[in-house]
Amino acid sequence: MGIEIERKFLLVNNDWKHGAGGILYRQGYLSSIKERTVRIRIIEQNAYLTIKGVNDGIRRVEFEYEIPLADAEFMLAKLCEQDIIEKYRYRISYEGLIWEIDEFLGANKGLVVAEVELASEEQTIILPPWVGREVSGDYRYFNSALSKHPFTQW
């Protein structure tokens, strides 16, 4: 069983972006209820089915499986709840950790969020200077919530 331990933050500036190259992510949800999410994600020419359980603080169970690209494209177009999330993801190394910065497109344009996965809930991290307020527990910032209630409609 996979466990995801993740903290999420808003950004205070674009200093992280200098020289960073992003990769387009497209994802949709077959189920987006708080208790469990079932996500289809396409990253370049790779596709994944991800199942996540309910959050327990910053921890939750996560299972991820690679699936055929054609299947994922069909599911995004025909089976997933709307809206589909599109974003550029950047990976930035800082103080021994990899920060994933999501720059959202479409109905979530203007939202930029940094996430960092941890080995334990107690792990100490040094926050980069471009990181601001923590939103780990704020459901509005979950991608599954953003697909139903986009940032531009808040």
N, C-alpha and C. Protein backbone atom coordinates (compact mmCIF):
# COMPACT_ATOMS: atom_id res chain seq x y z
N MET A 1 0.85 -1.18 0.00
CA MET A 1 0.00 0.00 0.00
C MET A 1 0.89 1.23 0.00
N GLY A 2 0.57 2.20 -0.88
CA GLY A 2 1.33 3.44 -0.95
C GLY A 2 0.77 4.49 -0.01
N ILE A 3 1.65 5.25 0.57
CA ILE A 3 1.25 6.37 1.44
C ILE A 3 1.86 7.64 0.87
N GLU A 4 1.04 8.67 0.74
CA GLU A 4 1.51 9.98 0.31
C GLU A 4 1.47 10.90 1.51
N ILE A 5 2.61 11.55 1.77
CA ILE A 5 2.70 12.57 2.81
C ILE A 5 3.16 13.83 2.11
N GLU A 6 2.27 14.82 2.06
CA GLU A 6 2.51 15.97 1.21
C GLU A 6 2.05 17.25 1.88
N ARG A 7 2.88 18.30 1.73
CA ARG A 7 2.49 19.63 2.18
C ARG A 7 2.37 20.54 0.96
N LYS A 8 1.44 21.47 1.02
CA LYS A 8 1.11 22.33 -0.11
C LYS A 8 1.14 23.79 0.33
N PHE A 9 1.70 24.65 -0.53
CA PHE A 9 1.87 26.06 -0.20
C PHE A 9 1.52 26.95 -1.39
N LEU A 10 1.07 28.15 -1.09
CA LEU A 10 0.95 29.18 -2.11
C LEU A 10 2.33 29.82 -2.29
N LEU A 11 2.52 30.51 -3.39
CA LEU A 11 3.80 31.15 -3.67
C LEU A 11 3.69 32.66 -3.50
N VAL A 12 4.80 33.29 -3.13
CA VAL A 12 4.80 34.73 -2.90
C VAL A 12 5.40 35.51 -4.07
N ASN A 13 6.11 34.81 -4.96
CA ASN A 13 6.70 35.46 -6.13
C ASN A 13 7.06 34.40 -7.17
N ASN A 14 7.64 34.83 -8.28
CA ASN A 14 8.02 33.92 -9.36
C ASN A 14 9.51 33.63 -9.40
N ASP A 15 10.23 33.86 -8.33
CA ASP A 15 11.67 33.62 -8.31
C ASP A 15 12.03 32.16 -8.59
N TRP A 16 11.15 31.23 -8.28
CA TRP A 16 11.37 29.81 -8.52
C TRP A 16 11.47 29.50 -10.01
N LYS A 17 10.86 30.34 -10.84
CA LYS A 17 10.68 30.01 -12.26
C LYS A 17 11.92 30.25 -13.11
N HIS A 18 12.89 30.96 -12.61
CA HIS A 18 14.07 31.30 -13.41
C HIS A 18 14.76 30.03 -13.93
N GLY A 19 14.69 29.84 -15.24
CA GLY A 19 15.35 28.70 -15.88
C GLY A 19 14.62 27.38 -15.77
N ALA A 20 13.45 27.37 -15.14
CA ALA A 20 12.71 26.11 -14.96
C ALA A 20 11.86 25.82 -16.20
N GLY A 21 11.81 24.56 -16.58
CA GLY A 21 10.97 24.13 -17.69
C GLY A 21 9.84 23.27 -17.18
N GLY A 22 8.63 23.58 -17.60
CA GLY A 22 7.47 22.83 -17.13
C GLY A 22 7.01 21.77 -18.12
N ILE A 23 6.29 20.80 -17.59
CA ILE A 23 5.70 19.72 -18.39
C ILE A 23 4.19 19.81 -18.25
N LEU A 24 3.48 19.70 -19.38
CA LEU A 24 2.03 19.79 -19.35
C LEU A 24 1.42 18.52 -18.75
N TYR A 25 0.52 18.73 -17.81
CA TYR A 25 -0.26 17.65 -17.20
C TYR A 25 -1.73 17.90 -17.54
N ARG A 26 -2.44 16.84 -17.91
CA ARG A 26 -3.88 16.90 -18.08
C ARG A 26 -4.46 15.81 -17.21
N GLN A 27 -5.47 16.15 -16.43
CA GLN A 27 -6.05 15.14 -15.55
C GLN A 27 -7.52 15.40 -15.30
N GLY A 28 -8.21 14.30 -15.07
CA GLY A 28 -9.63 14.36 -14.77
C GLY A 28 -9.97 13.32 -13.72
N TYR A 29 -11.19 13.42 -13.21
CA TYR A 29 -11.59 12.58 -12.09
C TYR A 29 -12.79 11.72 -12.45
N LEU A 30 -12.64 10.42 -12.22
CA LEU A 30 -13.77 9.49 -12.32
C LEU A 30 -14.60 9.57 -11.05
N SER A 31 -13.95 9.89 -9.94
CA SER A 31 -14.60 10.12 -8.66
C SER A 31 -13.82 11.21 -7.94
N SER A 32 -14.52 12.22 -7.42
CA SER A 32 -13.81 13.31 -6.75
C SER A 32 -14.40 13.62 -5.37
N ILE A 33 -14.99 12.64 -4.75
CA ILE A 33 -15.51 12.88 -3.40
C ILE A 33 -14.34 12.88 -2.42
N LYS A 34 -14.49 13.58 -1.30
CA LYS A 34 -13.41 13.72 -0.33
C LYS A 34 -12.87 12.38 0.17
N GLU A 35 -13.76 11.41 0.34
CA GLU A 35 -13.36 10.14 0.92
C GLU A 35 -12.48 9.30 -0.01
N ARG A 36 -12.59 9.54 -1.33
CA ARG A 36 -11.74 8.83 -2.29
C ARG A 36 -11.78 9.55 -3.61
N THR A 37 -10.63 9.64 -4.24
CA THR A 37 -10.57 10.20 -5.58
C THR A 37 -9.97 9.16 -6.51
N VAL A 38 -10.49 9.12 -7.72
CA VAL A 38 -9.96 8.25 -8.77
C VAL A 38 -9.65 9.17 -9.94
N ARG A 39 -8.36 9.27 -10.25
CA ARG A 39 -7.88 10.25 -11.21
C ARG A 39 -7.26 9.57 -12.43
N ILE A 40 -7.48 10.17 -13.59
CA ILE A 40 -6.80 9.81 -14.82
C ILE A 40 -5.86 10.96 -15.14
N ARG A 41 -4.60 10.66 -15.40
CA ARG A 41 -3.62 11.73 -15.67
C ARG A 41 -2.79 11.37 -16.88
N ILE A 42 -2.57 12.36 -17.74
CA ILE A 42 -1.68 12.21 -18.89
C ILE A 42 -0.53 13.20 -18.72
N ILE A 43 0.69 12.65 -18.79
CA ILE A 43 1.92 13.44 -18.72
C ILE A 43 2.71 13.08 -19.97
N GLU A 44 2.76 14.01 -20.90
CA GLU A 44 3.40 13.78 -22.19
C GLU A 44 2.77 12.55 -22.84
N GLN A 45 3.52 11.48 -23.06
CA GLN A 45 2.97 10.28 -23.71
C GLN A 45 2.71 9.15 -22.72
N ASN A 46 2.65 9.47 -21.43
CA ASN A 46 2.41 8.47 -20.40
C ASN A 46 1.08 8.77 -19.71
N ALA A 47 0.40 7.71 -19.27
CA ALA A 47 -0.90 7.88 -18.63
C ALA A 47 -0.98 7.02 -17.37
N TYR A 48 -1.75 7.52 -16.39
CA TYR A 48 -1.82 6.87 -15.09
C TYR A 48 -3.23 6.91 -14.53
N LEU A 49 -3.57 5.87 -13.80
CA LEU A 49 -4.78 5.80 -13.00
C LEU A 49 -4.30 5.89 -11.55
N THR A 50 -4.84 6.84 -10.80
CA THR A 50 -4.44 7.03 -9.41
C THR A 50 -5.67 7.01 -8.52
N ILE A 51 -5.57 6.27 -7.44
CA ILE A 51 -6.64 6.18 -6.45
C ILE A 51 -6.07 6.69 -5.13
N LYS A 52 -6.76 7.68 -4.53
CA LYS A 52 -6.32 8.24 -3.26
C LYS A 52 -7.43 8.15 -2.24
N GLY A 53 -7.06 7.88 -1.00
CA GLY A 53 -8.03 7.82 0.09
C GLY A 53 -8.21 9.18 0.74
N VAL A 54 -9.01 9.19 1.79
CA VAL A 54 -9.30 10.41 2.53
C VAL A 54 -8.03 10.89 3.24
N ASN A 55 -7.88 12.21 3.34
CA ASN A 55 -6.73 12.78 4.03
C ASN A 55 -6.84 12.56 5.53
N ASP A 56 -5.71 12.23 6.13
CA ASP A 56 -5.56 12.18 7.58
C ASP A 56 -4.42 13.15 7.89
N GLY A 57 -4.76 14.42 8.05
CA GLY A 57 -3.74 15.46 8.15
C GLY A 57 -3.11 15.65 6.78
N ILE A 58 -1.79 15.44 6.72
CA ILE A 58 -1.08 15.56 5.43
C ILE A 58 -0.77 14.18 4.84
N ARG A 59 -1.38 13.14 5.38
CA ARG A 59 -1.13 11.77 4.96
C ARG A 59 -2.39 11.17 4.35
N ARG A 60 -2.19 10.35 3.30
CA ARG A 60 -3.30 9.57 2.75
C ARG A 60 -2.76 8.41 1.93
N VAL A 61 -3.58 7.39 1.77
CA VAL A 61 -3.17 6.25 0.94
C VAL A 61 -3.26 6.66 -0.53
N GLU A 62 -2.35 6.09 -1.32
CA GLU A 62 -2.31 6.40 -2.74
C GLU A 62 -1.83 5.17 -3.50
N PHE A 63 -2.55 4.85 -4.56
CA PHE A 63 -2.18 3.76 -5.47
C PHE A 63 -2.13 4.35 -6.87
N GLU A 64 -1.06 4.05 -7.60
CA GLU A 64 -0.94 4.61 -8.96
C GLU A 64 -0.47 3.51 -9.91
N TYR A 65 -1.12 3.48 -11.09
CA TYR A 65 -0.84 2.44 -12.08
C TYR A 65 -0.74 3.07 -13.46
N GLU A 66 0.25 2.67 -14.23
CA GLU A 66 0.34 3.13 -15.61
C GLU A 66 -0.72 2.42 -16.44
N ILE A 67 -1.35 3.18 -17.32
CA ILE A 67 -2.39 2.62 -18.20
C ILE A 67 -2.10 3.05 -19.64
N PRO A 68 -2.72 2.40 -20.62
CA PRO A 68 -2.50 2.79 -22.01
C PRO A 68 -2.96 4.23 -22.27
N LEU A 69 -2.16 4.97 -23.04
CA LEU A 69 -2.46 6.35 -23.35
C LEU A 69 -3.82 6.51 -24.02
N ALA A 70 -4.14 5.64 -24.97
CA ALA A 70 -5.43 5.73 -25.67
C ALA A 70 -6.60 5.56 -24.70
N ASP A 71 -6.46 4.67 -23.72
CA ASP A 71 -7.51 4.49 -22.71
C ASP A 71 -7.69 5.77 -21.89
N ALA A 72 -6.57 6.37 -21.49
CA ALA A 72 -6.63 7.59 -20.69
C ALA A 72 -7.27 8.74 -21.47
N GLU A 73 -6.90 8.87 -22.73
CA GLU A 73 -7.50 9.93 -23.56
C GLU A 73 -9.00 9.74 -23.69
N PHE A 74 -9.44 8.49 -23.86
CA PHE A 74 -10.87 8.22 -23.95
C PHE A 74 -11.56 8.57 -22.63
N MET A 75 -10.99 8.15 -21.52
CA MET A 75 -11.60 8.42 -20.21
C MET A 75 -11.67 9.91 -19.92
N LEU A 76 -10.61 10.66 -20.26
CA LEU A 76 -10.64 12.11 -20.06
C LEU A 76 -11.75 12.75 -20.88
N ALA A 77 -11.92 12.28 -22.10
CA ALA A 77 -12.92 12.87 -23.01
C ALA A 77 -14.34 12.44 -22.69
N LYS A 78 -14.54 11.18 -22.27
CA LYS A 78 -15.90 10.63 -22.18
C LYS A 78 -16.39 10.25 -20.79
N LEU A 79 -15.48 9.95 -19.87
CA LEU A 79 -15.91 9.41 -18.58
C LEU A 79 -15.66 10.31 -17.37
N CYS A 80 -14.69 11.19 -17.48
CA CYS A 80 -14.31 12.01 -16.32
C CYS A 80 -15.30 13.14 -16.07
N GLU A 81 -15.41 13.49 -14.80
CA GLU A 81 -16.18 14.66 -14.40
C GLU A 81 -15.53 15.87 -15.05
N GLN A 82 -16.29 16.90 -15.25
CA GLN A 82 -15.75 18.14 -15.84
C GLN A 82 -15.56 19.16 -14.73
N ASP A 83 -14.65 20.00 -14.79
CA ASP A 83 -13.69 20.34 -15.81
C ASP A 83 -12.42 19.51 -15.66
N ILE A 84 -11.73 19.36 -16.79
CA ILE A 84 -10.43 18.71 -16.79
C ILE A 84 -9.40 19.73 -16.29
N ILE A 85 -8.50 19.28 -15.45
CA ILE A 85 -7.43 20.12 -14.93
C ILE A 85 -6.27 20.09 -15.92
N GLU A 86 -5.79 21.27 -16.29
CA GLU A 86 -4.58 21.38 -17.10
C GLU A 86 -3.62 22.30 -16.37
N LYS A 87 -2.36 21.90 -16.34
CA LYS A 87 -1.37 22.68 -15.61
C LYS A 87 0.02 22.33 -16.12
N TYR A 88 0.92 23.25 -15.90
CA TYR A 88 2.33 22.97 -16.12
C TYR A 88 2.94 22.65 -14.76
N ARG A 89 3.70 21.56 -14.72
CA ARG A 89 4.38 21.18 -13.48
C ARG A 89 5.88 21.38 -13.67
N TYR A 90 6.45 22.04 -12.67
CA TYR A 90 7.88 22.30 -12.63
C TYR A 90 8.45 21.57 -11.42
N ARG A 91 9.62 21.01 -11.57
CA ARG A 91 10.29 20.33 -10.45
C ARG A 91 11.54 21.13 -10.09
N ILE A 92 11.57 21.61 -8.85
CA ILE A 92 12.65 22.47 -8.38
C ILE A 92 13.29 21.82 -7.14
N SER A 93 14.60 21.66 -7.17
CA SER A 93 15.32 21.13 -6.02
C SER A 93 15.69 22.27 -5.08
N TYR A 94 15.41 22.06 -3.78
CA TYR A 94 15.76 23.07 -2.78
C TYR A 94 16.04 22.38 -1.46
N GLU A 95 17.24 22.58 -0.95
CA GLU A 95 17.64 22.04 0.36
C GLU A 95 17.35 20.54 0.49
N GLY A 96 17.69 19.79 -0.55
CA GLY A 96 17.59 18.33 -0.49
C GLY A 96 16.22 17.75 -0.79
N LEU A 97 15.24 18.59 -1.10
CA LEU A 97 13.90 18.11 -1.43
C LEU A 97 13.52 18.58 -2.83
N ILE A 98 12.63 17.82 -3.45
CA ILE A 98 12.10 18.21 -4.76
C ILE A 98 10.73 18.86 -4.54
N TRP A 99 10.62 20.10 -4.95
CA TRP A 99 9.37 20.85 -4.88
C TRP A 99 8.71 20.77 -6.24
N GLU A 100 7.43 20.45 -6.26
CA GLU A 100 6.66 20.41 -7.50
C GLU A 100 5.75 21.63 -7.51
N ILE A 101 5.97 22.49 -8.49
CA ILE A 101 5.18 23.71 -8.61
C ILE A 101 4.20 23.54 -9.75
N ASP A 102 2.92 23.70 -9.46
CA ASP A 102 1.86 23.58 -10.46
C ASP A 102 1.35 24.97 -10.81
N GLU A 103 1.47 25.29 -12.09
CA GLU A 103 0.96 26.54 -12.64
C GLU A 103 -0.27 26.18 -13.47
N PHE A 104 -1.44 26.50 -12.95
CA PHE A 104 -2.69 26.04 -13.53
C PHE A 104 -3.09 26.86 -14.75
N LEU A 105 -3.84 26.22 -15.64
CA LEU A 105 -4.34 26.82 -16.87
C LEU A 105 -5.86 26.84 -16.84
N GLY A 106 -6.46 27.36 -17.89
CA GLY A 106 -7.92 27.32 -18.04
C GLY A 106 -8.64 28.04 -16.93
N ALA A 107 -9.67 27.40 -16.39
CA ALA A 107 -10.51 28.00 -15.35
C ALA A 107 -9.77 28.20 -14.03
N ASN A 108 -8.57 27.62 -13.90
CA ASN A 108 -7.76 27.80 -12.70
C ASN A 108 -6.54 28.69 -12.95
N LYS A 109 -6.53 29.36 -14.09
CA LYS A 109 -5.40 30.23 -14.45
C LYS A 109 -5.19 31.28 -13.36
N GLY A 110 -3.94 31.51 -13.03
CA GLY A 110 -3.60 32.45 -11.97
C GLY A 110 -3.22 31.77 -10.68
N LEU A 111 -3.60 30.51 -10.52
CA LEU A 111 -3.25 29.75 -9.32
C LEU A 111 -1.92 29.05 -9.54
N VAL A 112 -1.00 29.24 -8.61
CA VAL A 112 0.30 28.57 -8.63
C VAL A 112 0.53 28.02 -7.23
N VAL A 113 0.76 26.71 -7.13
CA VAL A 113 0.87 26.03 -5.85
C VAL A 113 2.15 25.19 -5.84
N ALA A 114 2.84 25.17 -4.72
CA ALA A 114 4.03 24.34 -4.54
C ALA A 114 3.70 23.20 -3.59
N GLU A 115 4.13 21.99 -3.96
CA GLU A 115 3.93 20.82 -3.12
C GLU A 115 5.27 20.16 -2.87
N VAL A 116 5.40 19.56 -1.70
CA VAL A 116 6.60 18.80 -1.39
C VAL A 116 6.17 17.51 -0.70
N GLU A 117 6.69 16.38 -1.21
CA GLU A 117 6.40 15.08 -0.59
C GLU A 117 7.47 14.78 0.44
N LEU A 118 7.01 14.23 1.56
CA LEU A 118 7.90 13.98 2.69
C LEU A 118 7.97 12.50 3.03
N ALA A 119 9.02 12.13 3.74
CA ALA A 119 9.18 10.75 4.19
C ALA A 119 8.35 10.47 5.44
N SER A 120 8.10 11.51 6.24
CA SER A 120 7.29 11.36 7.44
C SER A 120 6.59 12.68 7.72
N GLU A 121 5.55 12.61 8.54
CA GLU A 121 4.81 13.82 8.89
C GLU A 121 5.63 14.76 9.76
N GLU A 122 6.61 14.22 10.46
CA GLU A 122 7.44 15.02 11.36
C GLU A 122 8.67 15.59 10.67
N GLN A 123 8.89 15.27 9.41
CA GLN A 123 10.09 15.71 8.71
C GLN A 123 10.19 17.23 8.71
N THR A 124 11.35 17.71 9.10
CA THR A 124 11.61 19.15 9.10
C THR A 124 12.00 19.58 7.69
N ILE A 125 11.45 20.70 7.25
CA ILE A 125 11.80 21.22 5.93
C ILE A 125 12.21 22.68 6.06
N ILE A 126 13.09 23.08 5.16
CA ILE A 126 13.45 24.49 5.05
C ILE A 126 12.65 25.04 3.88
N LEU A 127 11.85 26.04 4.17
CA LEU A 127 10.99 26.61 3.13
C LEU A 127 11.80 27.50 2.19
N PRO A 128 11.61 27.32 0.90
CA PRO A 128 12.26 28.21 -0.06
C PRO A 128 11.74 29.64 0.11
N PRO A 129 12.51 30.64 -0.31
CA PRO A 129 12.06 32.04 -0.14
C PRO A 129 10.84 32.40 -0.96
N TRP A 130 10.48 31.60 -1.96
CA TRP A 130 9.31 31.89 -2.80
C TRP A 130 8.04 31.22 -2.28
N VAL A 131 8.13 30.52 -1.16
CA VAL A 131 6.98 29.84 -0.57
C VAL A 131 6.30 30.74 0.44
N GLY A 132 4.96 30.77 0.37
CA GLY A 132 4.17 31.58 1.29
C GLY A 132 3.31 30.72 2.20
N ARG A 133 2.06 31.08 2.30
CA ARG A 133 1.11 30.46 3.22
C ARG A 133 0.87 28.98 2.90
N GLU A 134 0.84 28.16 3.94
CA GLU A 134 0.55 26.74 3.76
C GLU A 134 -0.95 26.53 3.60
N VAL A 135 -1.33 25.69 2.62
CA VAL A 135 -2.74 25.39 2.35
C VAL A 135 -2.99 23.88 2.33
N SER A 136 -2.13 23.12 3.00
CA SER A 136 -2.23 21.66 2.98
C SER A 136 -3.61 21.16 3.39
N GLY A 137 -4.21 21.78 4.38
CA GLY A 137 -5.50 21.32 4.87
C GLY A 137 -6.71 21.98 4.24
N ASP A 138 -6.48 22.86 3.29
CA ASP A 138 -7.57 23.60 2.66
C ASP A 138 -8.05 22.85 1.42
N TYR A 139 -9.19 22.22 1.52
CA TYR A 139 -9.73 21.35 0.46
C TYR A 139 -9.88 22.08 -0.88
N ARG A 140 -10.09 23.40 -0.85
CA ARG A 140 -10.27 24.16 -2.10
C ARG A 140 -9.08 24.01 -3.03
N TYR A 141 -7.90 23.76 -2.47
CA TYR A 141 -6.68 23.68 -3.27
C TYR A 141 -6.38 22.27 -3.77
N PHE A 142 -7.20 21.29 -3.41
CA PHE A 142 -7.03 19.95 -3.96
C PHE A 142 -7.42 19.99 -5.43
N ASN A 143 -6.67 19.31 -6.28
CA ASN A 143 -6.99 19.30 -7.70
C ASN A 143 -8.41 18.80 -7.95
N SER A 144 -8.84 17.83 -7.19
CA SER A 144 -10.20 17.30 -7.37
C SER A 144 -11.25 18.37 -7.08
N ALA A 145 -10.99 19.22 -6.10
CA ALA A 145 -11.91 20.33 -5.80
C ALA A 145 -11.84 21.40 -6.87
N LEU A 146 -10.64 21.67 -7.37
CA LEU A 146 -10.47 22.69 -8.42
C LEU A 146 -11.18 22.31 -9.71
N SER A 147 -11.37 21.01 -9.93
CA SER A 147 -12.09 20.58 -11.14
C SER A 147 -13.57 20.93 -11.05
N LYS A 148 -14.11 21.01 -9.84
CA LYS A 148 -15.52 21.35 -9.64
C LYS A 148 -15.73 22.84 -9.38
N HIS A 149 -14.82 23.42 -8.63
CA HIS A 149 -14.92 24.83 -8.21
C HIS A 149 -13.61 25.53 -8.57
N PRO A 150 -13.46 25.94 -9.82
CA PRO A 150 -12.20 26.54 -10.28
C PRO A 150 -11.84 27.81 -9.54
N PHE A 151 -10.55 28.03 -9.45
CA PHE A 151 -9.96 29.17 -8.76
C PHE A 151 -10.53 30.51 -9.26
N THR A 152 -10.77 30.63 -10.56
CA THR A 152 -11.26 31.90 -11.10
C THR A 152 -12.70 32.20 -10.69
N GLN A 153 -13.38 31.25 -10.07
CA GLN A 153 -14.77 31.45 -9.64
C GLN A 153 -14.89 31.65 -8.12
N TRP A 154 -13.79 31.74 -7.43
CA TRP A 154 -13.84 31.94 -5.97
C TRP A 154 -14.26 33.35 -5.65
